[in-house]
Amino acid sequence: MRSKKASVVATALAVALAGGGFAIGRESQNRVTPAEARANETLASRASLPAFADLAERVSPAVVNIKATSIAKTDFPDQLFGENFPFPGFRSPVPQQPREFRRQGTGSGFIIRKDGLILTNNHVVENAQEITVTLSDKQQYKAKILGRDPKTDLAVIKIEPKTALPSAPLVTPMSSE
């Protein structure tokens, strides 16, 4: 059993620590560090940005569907069982020559310039021999690859539209000094 004096000292110490921590916490809430000030400015500037629904409605005409077609080859052996095919007089059901088949993939992208420059993912167009872009108004165009970067999974493709297209241009944030 502790002495009454030790108990009083322990209680006083606990109250002092708690009170001091509370006071320090209140004081630190009133101070704003430079990093916090920048974060508050960023939050204030975001408040002036349009709502997501408004943004989506405005930019959705620039979103496109991309269909990429590639030719894949299958490598079959000359005969399934070689010389030991179990049915004499019959040929192997496996084709003698490698076969080609068309593989189709789909993806999306968005028009970044009114003249038909489109940003998409590299994996969508990576091995494509033919690329078809469908606009939001259902117009279709053949596209060609201008550049790809597998590391960032980005690709730029180009269509030749008859008129200027809706676009969602890329903008770079302005640096604040």
C-alpha atoms as a PDB file:
ATOM      1  CA  MET A   1       0.000   0.000   0.000  1.00  0.00           C
ATOM      2  CA  ARG A   2       1.321   3.382  -0.985  1.00  0.00           C
ATOM      3  CA  SER A   3       1.553   6.236   1.437  1.00  0.00           C
ATOM      4  CA  LYS A   4      -0.958   9.026   1.282  1.00  0.00           C
ATOM      5  CA  LYS A   5       1.798  11.512   0.423  1.00  0.00           C
ATOM      6  CA  ALA A   6       2.981   9.422  -2.574  1.00  0.00           C
ATOM      7  CA  SER A   7      -0.592   9.091  -3.799  1.00  0.00           C
ATOM      8  CA  VAL A   8      -1.155  12.857  -3.632  1.00  0.00           C
ATOM      9  CA  VAL A   9       2.132  13.515  -5.474  1.00  0.00           C
ATOM     10  CA  ALA A  10       1.231  10.984  -8.184  1.00  0.00           C
ATOM     11  CA  THR A  11      -2.218  12.495  -8.633  1.00  0.00           C
ATOM     12  CA  ALA A  12      -0.818  16.039  -8.788  1.00  0.00           C
ATOM     13  CA  LEU A  13       1.782  14.935 -11.347  1.00  0.00           C
ATOM     14  CA  ALA A  14      -0.876  13.226 -13.507  1.00  0.00           C
ATOM     15  CA  VAL A  15      -3.106  16.320 -13.422  1.00  0.00           C
ATOM     16  CA  ALA A  16      -0.148  18.587 -14.276  1.00  0.00           C
ATOM     17  CA  LEU A  17       0.906  16.405 -17.219  1.00  0.00           C
ATOM     18  CA  ALA A  18      -2.619  16.175 -18.557  1.00  0.00           C
ATOM     19  CA  GLY A  19      -3.229  19.887 -18.133  1.00  0.00           C
ATOM     20  CA  GLY A  20       0.120  20.771 -19.708  1.00  0.00           C
ATOM     21  CA  GLY A  21      -0.552  18.487 -22.666  1.00  0.00           C
ATOM     22  CA  PHE A  22      -3.970  20.039 -23.148  1.00  0.00           C
ATOM     23  CA  ALA A  23      -2.506  23.543 -23.033  1.00  0.00           C
ATOM     24  CA  ILE A  24       0.259  22.644 -25.492  1.00  0.00           C
ATOM     25  CA  GLY A  25      -2.273  21.040 -27.820  1.00  0.00           C
ATOM     26  CA  ARG A  26      -4.498  24.121 -27.720  1.00  0.00           C
ATOM     27  CA  GLU A  27      -1.525  26.382 -28.396  1.00  0.00           C
ATOM     28  CA  SER A  28      -0.302  24.287 -31.330  1.00  0.00           C
ATOM     29  CA  GLN A  29      -3.768  24.417 -32.863  1.00  0.00           C
ATOM     30  CA  ASN A  30      -3.470  28.186 -33.081  1.00  0.00           C
ATOM     31  CA  ARG A  31      -0.132  28.053 -34.933  1.00  0.00           C
ATOM     32  CA  VAL A  32      -0.103  27.301 -38.654  1.00  0.00           C
ATOM     33  CA  THR A  33       3.058  25.969 -40.239  1.00  0.00           C
ATOM     34  CA  PRO A  34       3.984  27.041 -43.790  1.00  0.00           C
ATOM     35  CA  ALA A  35       3.114  23.548 -45.048  1.00  0.00           C
ATOM     36  CA  GLU A  36      -0.321  23.739 -43.403  1.00  0.00           C
ATOM     37  CA  ALA A  37      -0.868  27.196 -44.898  1.00  0.00           C
ATOM     38  CA  ARG A  38      -0.098  25.834 -48.410  1.00  0.00           C
ATOM     39  CA  ALA A  39      -2.438  22.880 -47.793  1.00  0.00           C
ATOM     40  CA  ASN A  40      -5.192  25.270 -46.707  1.00  0.00           C
ATOM     41  CA  GLU A  41      -4.652  27.363 -49.859  1.00  0.00           C
ATOM     42  CA  THR A  42      -4.882  24.192 -51.966  1.00  0.00           C
ATOM     43  CA  LEU A  43      -8.137  23.214 -50.260  1.00  0.00           C
ATOM     44  CA  ALA A  44      -9.525  26.704 -50.816  1.00  0.00           C
ATOM     45  CA  SER A  45      -8.603  26.601 -54.508  1.00  0.00           C
ATOM     46  CA  ARG A  46     -10.217  23.160 -54.857  1.00  0.00           C
ATOM     47  CA  ALA A  47     -13.412  24.628 -53.506  1.00  0.00           C
ATOM     48  CA  SER A  48     -13.543  26.758 -56.652  1.00  0.00           C
ATOM     49  CA  LEU A  49     -13.217  23.714 -58.942  1.00  0.00           C
ATOM     50  CA  PRO A  50     -16.381  22.451 -60.661  1.00  0.00           C
ATOM     51  CA  ALA A  51     -18.272  19.525 -59.220  1.00  0.00           C
ATOM     52  CA  PHE A  52     -17.359  16.109 -60.614  1.00  0.00           C
ATOM     53  CA  ALA A  53     -20.741  15.672 -62.314  1.00  0.00           C
ATOM     54  CA  ASP A  54     -20.332  19.010 -64.103  1.00  0.00           C
ATOM     55  CA  LEU A  55     -16.791  18.123 -65.133  1.00  0.00           C
ATOM     56  CA  ALA A  56     -17.826  14.673 -66.396  1.00  0.00           C
ATOM     57  CA  GLU A  57     -20.678  16.146 -68.417  1.00  0.00           C
ATOM     58  CA  ARG A  58     -18.387  18.714 -70.004  1.00  0.00           C
ATOM     59  CA  VAL A  59     -15.543  16.301 -70.848  1.00  0.00           C
ATOM     60  CA  SER A  60     -17.472  13.137 -71.787  1.00  0.00           C
ATOM     61  CA  PRO A  61     -17.761  14.057 -75.510  1.00  0.00           C
ATOM     62  CA  ALA A  62     -13.947  13.777 -75.675  1.00  0.00           C
ATOM     63  CA  VAL A  63     -13.940  10.190 -74.367  1.00  0.00           C
ATOM     64  CA  VAL A  64     -13.530   7.551 -77.084  1.00  0.00           C
ATOM     65  CA  ASN A  65     -13.798   3.784 -77.402  1.00  0.00           C
ATOM     66  CA  ILE A  66     -10.828   2.019 -78.951  1.00  0.00           C
ATOM     67  CA  LYS A  67     -10.932  -1.372 -80.653  1.00  0.00           C
ATOM     68  CA  ALA A  68      -7.513  -2.839 -81.378  1.00  0.00           C
ATOM     69  CA  THR A  69      -7.131  -5.872 -83.637  1.00  0.00           C
ATOM     70  CA  SER A  70      -3.974  -7.928 -83.743  1.00  0.00           C
ATOM     71  CA  ILE A  71      -3.011 -11.064 -85.631  1.00  0.00           C
ATOM     72  CA  ALA A  72      -1.826 -13.906 -83.422  1.00  0.00           C
ATOM     73  CA  LYS A  73      -0.142 -17.067 -84.658  1.00  0.00           C
ATOM     74  CA  THR A  74      -0.505 -20.487 -83.152  1.00  0.00           C
ATOM     75  CA  ASP A  75       2.389 -22.888 -83.382  1.00  0.00           C
ATOM     76  CA  PHE A  76       1.228 -26.461 -83.835  1.00  0.00           C
ATOM     77  CA  PRO A  77       3.550 -29.413 -84.355  1.00  0.00           C
ATOM     78  CA  ASP A  78       3.458 -31.123 -87.757  1.00  0.00           C
ATOM     79  CA  GLN A  79       1.623 -34.056 -86.237  1.00  0.00           C
ATOM     80  CA  LEU A  80       0.077 -34.531 -82.841  1.00  0.00           C
ATOM     81  CA  PHE A  81       1.860 -37.837 -82.129  1.00  0.00           C
ATOM     82  CA  GLY A  82       4.622 -37.689 -84.702  1.00  0.00           C
ATOM     83  CA  GLU A  83       5.113 -41.077 -86.400  1.00  0.00           C
ATOM     84  CA  ASN A  84       3.224 -42.841 -83.605  1.00  0.00           C
ATOM     85  CA  PHE A  85      -0.231 -41.541 -84.536  1.00  0.00           C
ATOM     86  CA  PRO A  86      -2.572 -44.243 -83.149  1.00  0.00           C
ATOM     87  CA  PHE A  87      -4.861 -44.528 -86.185  1.00  0.00           C
ATOM     88  CA  PRO A  88      -3.042 -45.684 -89.325  1.00  0.00           C
ATOM     89  CA  GLY A  89      -4.375 -44.140 -92.504  1.00  0.00           C
ATOM     90  CA  PHE A  90      -5.771 -41.056 -90.759  1.00  0.00           C
ATOM     91  CA  ARG A  91      -4.129 -37.675 -90.613  1.00  0.00           C
ATOM     92  CA  SER A  92      -3.556 -35.803 -87.418  1.00  0.00           C
ATOM     93  CA  PRO A  93      -6.460 -33.445 -86.599  1.00  0.00           C
ATOM     94  CA  VAL A  94      -3.926 -30.690 -85.927  1.00  0.00           C
ATOM     95  CA  PRO A  95      -3.171 -28.409 -88.907  1.00  0.00           C
ATOM     96  CA  GLN A  96       0.166 -28.901 -90.615  1.00  0.00           C
ATOM     97  CA  GLN A  97       0.900 -25.167 -90.820  1.00  0.00           C
ATOM     98  CA  PRO A  98       0.785 -22.506 -88.133  1.00  0.00           C
ATOM     99  CA  ARG A  99      -2.586 -20.769 -88.095  1.00  0.00           C
ATOM    100  CA  GLU A 100      -3.327 -17.106 -87.725  1.00  0.00           C
ATOM    101  CA  PHE A 101      -6.328 -15.715 -85.934  1.00  0.00           C
ATOM    102  CA  ARG A 102      -7.556 -12.219 -85.188  1.00  0.00           C
ATOM    103  CA  ARG A 103      -7.540 -11.103 -81.596  1.00  0.00           C
ATOM    104  CA  GLN A 104      -9.573  -8.057 -80.596  1.00  0.00           C
ATOM    105  CA  GLY A 105      -9.174  -5.926 -77.518  1.00  0.00           C
ATOM    106  CA  THR A 106     -10.976  -2.831 -76.388  1.00  0.00           C
ATOM    107  CA  GLY A 107     -10.123   0.145 -74.280  1.00  0.00           C
ATOM    108  CA  SER A 108     -10.787   3.805 -73.917  1.00  0.00           C
ATOM    109  CA  GLY A 109      -8.988   7.064 -74.374  1.00  0.00           C
ATOM    110  CA  PHE A 110      -9.688  10.734 -74.677  1.00  0.00           C
ATOM    111  CA  ILE A 111      -9.143  13.339 -77.351  1.00  0.00           C
ATOM    112  CA  ILE A 112      -6.506  15.818 -76.235  1.00  0.00           C
ATOM    113  CA  ARG A 113      -6.422  17.948 -79.393  1.00  0.00           C
ATOM    114  CA  LYS A 114      -9.236  18.981 -81.719  1.00  0.00           C
ATOM    115  CA  ASP A 115      -7.316  17.623 -84.720  1.00  0.00           C
ATOM    116  CA  GLY A 116      -7.633  14.018 -83.509  1.00  0.00           C
ATOM    117  CA  LEU A 117      -4.755  13.370 -81.106  1.00  0.00           C
ATOM    118  CA  ILE A 118      -5.841  10.763 -78.538  1.00  0.00           C
ATOM    119  CA  LEU A 119      -4.252   9.614 -75.290  1.00  0.00           C
ATOM    120  CA  THR A 120      -4.816   5.985 -74.270  1.00  0.00           C
ATOM    121  CA  ASN A 121      -3.064   3.110 -72.526  1.00  0.00           C
ATOM    122  CA  ASN A 122      -0.136   1.346 -74.161  1.00  0.00           C
ATOM    123  CA  HIS A 123      -1.536  -2.103 -73.357  1.00  0.00           C
ATOM    124  CA  VAL A 124      -4.650  -1.296 -75.400  1.00  0.00           C
ATOM    125  CA  VAL A 125      -2.745  -0.694 -78.658  1.00  0.00           C
ATOM    126  CA  GLU A 126       0.586  -2.437 -78.024  1.00  0.00           C
ATOM    127  CA  ASN A 127       0.443  -5.216 -80.655  1.00  0.00           C
ATOM    128  CA  ALA A 128      -2.369  -3.831 -82.792  1.00  0.00           C
ATOM    129  CA  GLN A 129      -2.260  -4.058 -86.559  1.00  0.00           C
ATOM    130  CA  GLU A 130      -5.555  -2.190 -86.860  1.00  0.00           C
ATOM    131  CA  ILE A 131      -7.085   0.384 -84.504  1.00  0.00           C
ATOM    132  CA  THR A 132     -10.656   1.676 -84.751  1.00  0.00           C
ATOM    133  CA  VAL A 133     -11.760   4.658 -82.673  1.00  0.00           C
ATOM    134  CA  THR A 134     -15.451   5.264 -81.989  1.00  0.00           C
ATOM    135  CA  LEU A 135     -16.432   8.760 -80.882  1.00  0.00           C
ATOM    136  CA  SER A 136     -19.262   9.571 -78.487  1.00  0.00           C
ATOM    137  CA  ASP A 137     -21.473  10.430 -81.499  1.00  0.00           C
ATOM    138  CA  LYS A 138     -20.782   6.927 -82.956  1.00  0.00           C
ATOM    139  CA  GLN A 139     -18.492   8.151 -85.770  1.00  0.00           C
ATOM    140  CA  GLN A 140     -15.684   5.669 -86.441  1.00  0.00           C
ATOM    141  CA  TYR A 141     -12.149   6.343 -87.616  1.00  0.00           C
ATOM    142  CA  LYS A 142      -9.049   4.276 -88.282  1.00  0.00           C
ATOM    143  CA  ALA A 143      -6.142   5.347 -86.087  1.00  0.00           C
ATOM    144  CA  LYS A 144      -2.401   5.043 -86.208  1.00  0.00           C
ATOM    145  CA  ILE A 145       0.038   4.878 -83.327  1.00  0.00           C
ATOM    146  CA  LEU A 146       2.251   7.950 -82.964  1.00  0.00           C
ATOM    147  CA  GLY A 147       4.064   6.856 -79.815  1.00  0.00           C
ATOM    148  CA  ARG A 148       3.981   4.343 -76.987  1.00  0.00           C
ATOM    149  CA  ASP A 149       5.663   4.039 -73.607  1.00  0.00           C
ATOM    150  CA  PRO A 150       5.326   0.600 -71.997  1.00  0.00           C
ATOM    151  CA  LYS A 151       6.953   1.824 -68.785  1.00  0.00           C
ATOM    152  CA  THR A 152       4.211   4.379 -68.058  1.00  0.00           C
ATOM    153  CA  ASP A 153       1.561   2.406 -70.013  1.00  0.00           C
ATOM    154  CA  LEU A 154       0.710   5.446 -72.134  1.00  0.00           C
ATOM    155  CA  ALA A 155       0.212   5.705 -75.875  1.00  0.00           C
ATOM    156  CA  VAL A 156      -0.695   8.489 -78.294  1.00  0.00           C
ATOM    157  CA  ILE A 157      -2.743   7.642 -81.365  1.00  0.00           C
ATOM    158  CA  LYS A 158      -4.061   9.855 -84.170  1.00  0.00           C
ATOM    159  CA  ILE A 159      -7.231   9.899 -86.230  1.00  0.00           C
ATOM    160  CA  GLU A 160      -7.998  12.140 -89.207  1.00  0.00           C
ATOM    161  CA  PRO A 161     -11.390  13.714 -88.426  1.00  0.00           C
ATOM    162  CA  LYS A 162     -13.434  15.637 -90.973  1.00  0.00           C
ATOM    163  CA  THR A 163     -14.116  18.491 -88.506  1.00  0.00           C
ATOM    164  CA  ALA A 164     -12.727  19.779 -85.226  1.00  0.00           C
ATOM    165  CA  LEU A 165     -13.432  17.416 -82.344  1.00  0.00           C
ATOM    166  CA  PRO A 166     -14.393  18.032 -78.727  1.00  0.00           C
ATOM    167  CA  SER A 167     -11.274  17.718 -76.620  1.00  0.00           C
ATOM    168  CA  ALA A 168     -10.096  17.507 -73.050  1.00  0.00           C
ATOM    169  CA  PRO A 169      -6.729  19.237 -73.337  1.00  0.00           C
ATOM    170  CA  LEU A 170      -4.006  18.383 -70.899  1.00  0.00           C
ATOM    171  CA  VAL A 171      -3.038  21.290 -68.712  1.00  0.00           C
ATOM    172  CA  THR A 172      -0.009  21.655 -66.525  1.00  0.00           C
ATOM    173  CA  PRO A 173      -0.412  23.119 -63.069  1.00  0.00           C
ATOM    174  CA  MET A 174       1.027  26.573 -62.669  1.00  0.00           C
ATOM    175  CA  SER A 175       3.943  26.725 -60.286  1.00  0.00           C
ATOM    176  CA  SER A 176       3.559  29.002 -57.299  1.00  0.00           C
ATOM    177  CA  GLU A 177       6.566  30.769 -55.978  1.00  0.00           C
END
